[in-house]
Amino acid sequence: MKASDIKQMIETGLPDAQVEVLGDDGQHFDARVISASFAGKSLVQQHKMVKETLGDKFTNGEIHALSLKTSAPQS
């Protein structure tokens, strides 16, 4: 799995998001996601929304770890 694949999956699942994904070993990644969809949601809810865009990539082992930083856009 490549960082660009994860970025594309998140952008597909959260079309209004600005996404940056870093990672170089194929299993451990850092993602920063800014989305208006996160407005009024807790960090746990935001992270769940992002992880849902990745389907079964955690359960099948393609992604071992994903560090997330999420937020709604600043107005």
N, C-alpha and C. Protein backbone atom coordinates (compact mmCIF):
# COMPACT_ATOMS: atom_id res chain seq x y z
N MET A 1 0.85 -1.17 0.00
CA MET A 1 0.00 0.00 0.00
C MET A 1 0.89 1.24 0.00
N LYS A 2 0.54 2.20 -0.83
CA LYS A 2 1.31 3.43 -0.94
C LYS A 2 0.53 4.58 -0.32
N ALA A 3 1.25 5.60 0.12
CA ALA A 3 0.61 6.78 0.69
C ALA A 3 -0.38 7.39 -0.29
N SER A 4 -0.04 7.38 -1.58
CA SER A 4 -0.93 7.96 -2.59
C SER A 4 -2.24 7.18 -2.69
N ASP A 5 -2.20 5.86 -2.46
CA ASP A 5 -3.42 5.04 -2.48
C ASP A 5 -4.33 5.43 -1.32
N ILE A 6 -3.74 5.61 -0.15
CA ILE A 6 -4.52 6.00 1.03
C ILE A 6 -5.12 7.37 0.82
N LYS A 7 -4.33 8.29 0.30
CA LYS A 7 -4.81 9.65 0.03
C LYS A 7 -6.03 9.60 -0.89
N GLN A 8 -5.94 8.82 -1.95
CA GLN A 8 -7.03 8.72 -2.91
C GLN A 8 -8.28 8.12 -2.27
N MET A 9 -8.12 7.11 -1.43
CA MET A 9 -9.26 6.48 -0.77
C MET A 9 -9.96 7.46 0.18
N ILE A 10 -9.18 8.23 0.92
CA ILE A 10 -9.77 9.21 1.84
C ILE A 10 -10.49 10.30 1.05
N GLU A 11 -9.86 10.78 -0.02
CA GLU A 11 -10.49 11.82 -0.84
C GLU A 11 -11.78 11.32 -1.50
N THR A 12 -11.82 10.06 -1.88
CA THR A 12 -13.03 9.49 -2.46
C THR A 12 -14.14 9.42 -1.42
N GLY A 13 -13.80 9.01 -0.20
CA GLY A 13 -14.78 8.88 0.86
C GLY A 13 -15.21 10.19 1.48
N LEU A 14 -14.31 11.17 1.46
CA LEU A 14 -14.59 12.51 1.99
C LEU A 14 -14.23 13.53 0.91
N PRO A 15 -15.12 13.71 -0.08
CA PRO A 15 -14.77 14.51 -1.25
C PRO A 15 -14.38 15.97 -0.96
N ASP A 16 -14.83 16.52 0.17
CA ASP A 16 -14.50 17.92 0.47
C ASP A 16 -13.20 18.06 1.25
N ALA A 17 -12.50 16.95 1.48
CA ALA A 17 -11.32 16.96 2.35
C ALA A 17 -10.05 17.40 1.64
N GLN A 18 -9.19 18.05 2.43
CA GLN A 18 -7.81 18.30 2.02
C GLN A 18 -7.01 17.22 2.74
N VAL A 19 -6.25 16.44 2.00
CA VAL A 19 -5.59 15.26 2.57
C VAL A 19 -4.10 15.27 2.25
N GLU A 20 -3.31 14.97 3.29
CA GLU A 20 -1.87 14.78 3.11
C GLU A 20 -1.53 13.48 3.82
N VAL A 21 -0.88 12.56 3.12
CA VAL A 21 -0.50 11.28 3.72
C VAL A 21 1.00 11.06 3.50
N LEU A 22 1.69 10.75 4.57
CA LEU A 22 3.11 10.46 4.52
C LEU A 22 3.35 9.05 5.04
N GLY A 23 4.34 8.39 4.51
CA GLY A 23 4.70 7.04 4.96
C GLY A 23 5.62 6.43 3.94
N ASP A 24 6.64 5.71 4.43
CA ASP A 24 7.62 5.20 3.47
C ASP A 24 7.90 3.71 3.60
N ASP A 25 7.24 3.03 4.56
CA ASP A 25 7.54 1.61 4.69
C ASP A 25 6.40 0.72 4.20
N GLY A 26 5.34 1.31 3.70
CA GLY A 26 4.25 0.53 3.13
C GLY A 26 3.20 0.06 4.12
N GLN A 27 3.43 0.26 5.42
CA GLN A 27 2.46 -0.18 6.43
C GLN A 27 2.15 0.86 7.49
N HIS A 28 3.04 1.80 7.73
CA HIS A 28 2.87 2.82 8.76
C HIS A 28 2.75 4.19 8.08
N PHE A 29 1.67 4.89 8.39
CA PHE A 29 1.40 6.15 7.70
C PHE A 29 0.97 7.23 8.67
N ASP A 30 1.20 8.48 8.27
CA ASP A 30 0.71 9.65 8.98
C ASP A 30 -0.19 10.41 8.01
N ALA A 31 -1.38 10.78 8.48
CA ALA A 31 -2.31 11.50 7.61
C ALA A 31 -2.83 12.75 8.32
N ARG A 32 -2.94 13.81 7.54
CA ARG A 32 -3.57 15.05 8.01
C ARG A 32 -4.77 15.27 7.11
N VAL A 33 -5.95 15.37 7.73
CA VAL A 33 -7.18 15.49 6.97
C VAL A 33 -7.98 16.68 7.51
N ILE A 34 -8.29 17.61 6.63
CA ILE A 34 -9.13 18.76 6.97
C ILE A 34 -10.39 18.66 6.14
N SER A 35 -11.54 18.63 6.82
CA SER A 35 -12.79 18.46 6.11
C SER A 35 -13.91 19.21 6.81
N ALA A 36 -14.75 19.89 6.03
CA ALA A 36 -15.92 20.57 6.59
C ALA A 36 -16.88 19.55 7.21
N SER A 37 -16.81 18.31 6.76
CA SER A 37 -17.66 17.24 7.31
C SER A 37 -17.37 16.98 8.78
N PHE A 38 -16.22 17.43 9.27
CA PHE A 38 -15.83 17.20 10.66
C PHE A 38 -16.43 18.24 11.62
N ALA A 39 -17.01 19.30 11.10
CA ALA A 39 -17.53 20.38 11.94
C ALA A 39 -18.53 19.82 12.95
N GLY A 40 -18.30 20.14 14.23
CA GLY A 40 -19.19 19.72 15.30
C GLY A 40 -18.99 18.28 15.76
N LYS A 41 -18.00 17.58 15.21
CA LYS A 41 -17.76 16.19 15.57
C LYS A 41 -16.54 16.09 16.49
N SER A 42 -16.55 15.10 17.37
CA SER A 42 -15.40 14.87 18.25
C SER A 42 -14.25 14.29 17.43
N LEU A 43 -13.05 14.31 18.02
CA LEU A 43 -11.89 13.72 17.33
C LEU A 43 -12.12 12.24 17.06
N VAL A 44 -12.73 11.53 18.01
CA VAL A 44 -13.01 10.10 17.81
C VAL A 44 -13.93 9.91 16.60
N GLN A 45 -14.96 10.73 16.49
CA GLN A 45 -15.88 10.63 15.36
C GLN A 45 -15.17 10.96 14.05
N GLN A 46 -14.31 11.97 14.07
CA GLN A 46 -13.55 12.35 12.87
C GLN A 46 -12.65 11.21 12.42
N HIS A 47 -11.94 10.61 13.37
CA HIS A 47 -11.03 9.51 13.03
C HIS A 47 -11.80 8.31 12.51
N LYS A 48 -12.96 8.03 13.09
CA LYS A 48 -13.79 6.93 12.61
C LYS A 48 -14.23 7.18 11.17
N MET A 49 -14.59 8.43 10.85
CA MET A 49 -14.99 8.77 9.48
C MET A 49 -13.86 8.50 8.50
N VAL A 50 -12.64 8.86 8.88
CA VAL A 50 -11.49 8.63 8.00
C VAL A 50 -11.24 7.14 7.84
N LYS A 51 -11.23 6.41 8.95
CA LYS A 51 -10.96 4.97 8.87
C LYS A 51 -12.02 4.23 8.05
N GLU A 52 -13.26 4.71 8.09
CA GLU A 52 -14.32 4.09 7.28
C GLU A 52 -14.02 4.21 5.78
N THR A 53 -13.32 5.25 5.37
CA THR A 53 -13.00 5.42 3.95
C THR A 53 -11.98 4.39 3.48
N LEU A 54 -11.29 3.74 4.41
CA LEU A 54 -10.23 2.80 4.07
C LEU A 54 -10.71 1.35 4.05
N GLY A 55 -12.00 1.15 4.28
CA GLY A 55 -12.58 -0.19 4.19
C GLY A 55 -11.86 -1.20 5.06
N ASP A 56 -11.48 -2.32 4.47
CA ASP A 56 -10.87 -3.43 5.22
C ASP A 56 -9.34 -3.40 5.23
N LYS A 57 -8.75 -2.28 4.90
CA LYS A 57 -7.28 -2.21 4.80
C LYS A 57 -6.58 -2.46 6.14
N PHE A 58 -7.28 -2.18 7.26
CA PHE A 58 -6.69 -2.48 8.58
C PHE A 58 -6.85 -3.96 8.91
N THR A 59 -8.04 -4.49 8.70
CA THR A 59 -8.30 -5.88 9.08
C THR A 59 -7.52 -6.87 8.22
N ASN A 60 -7.25 -6.52 6.96
CA ASN A 60 -6.50 -7.46 6.12
C ASN A 60 -4.99 -7.24 6.19
N GLY A 61 -4.55 -6.27 7.01
CA GLY A 61 -3.13 -6.07 7.25
C GLY A 61 -2.40 -5.18 6.26
N GLU A 62 -3.11 -4.64 5.27
CA GLU A 62 -2.44 -3.76 4.30
C GLU A 62 -1.94 -2.48 4.97
N ILE A 63 -2.68 -2.02 5.98
CA ILE A 63 -2.25 -0.86 6.77
C ILE A 63 -2.11 -1.34 8.20
N HIS A 64 -0.91 -1.22 8.74
CA HIS A 64 -0.68 -1.65 10.12
C HIS A 64 -0.98 -0.51 11.09
N ALA A 65 -0.56 0.70 10.74
CA ALA A 65 -0.75 1.85 11.63
C ALA A 65 -0.98 3.11 10.81
N LEU A 66 -1.94 3.91 11.28
CA LEU A 66 -2.25 5.19 10.64
C LEU A 66 -2.41 6.23 11.73
N SER A 67 -1.48 7.15 11.80
CA SER A 67 -1.56 8.26 12.75
C SER A 67 -2.37 9.36 12.09
N LEU A 68 -3.43 9.81 12.76
CA LEU A 68 -4.32 10.81 12.16
C LEU A 68 -4.29 12.13 12.90
N LYS A 69 -4.32 13.20 12.13
CA LYS A 69 -4.57 14.54 12.63
C LYS A 69 -5.71 15.06 11.79
N THR A 70 -6.85 15.31 12.44
CA THR A 70 -8.04 15.74 11.71
C THR A 70 -8.56 17.04 12.29
N SER A 71 -9.23 17.82 11.43
CA SER A 71 -9.87 19.05 11.89
C SER A 71 -10.81 19.56 10.81
N ALA A 72 -11.71 20.43 11.26
CA ALA A 72 -12.55 21.15 10.31
C ALA A 72 -11.77 22.39 9.88
N PRO A 73 -12.09 22.95 8.70
CA PRO A 73 -11.38 24.14 8.25
C PRO A 73 -11.61 25.31 9.22
N GLN A 74 -10.61 26.13 9.36
CA GLN A 74 -10.76 27.33 10.19
C GLN A 74 -11.51 28.39 9.41
N SER A 75 -12.46 29.04 10.08
CA SER A 75 -13.23 30.08 9.37
C SER A 75 -12.64 31.45 9.52
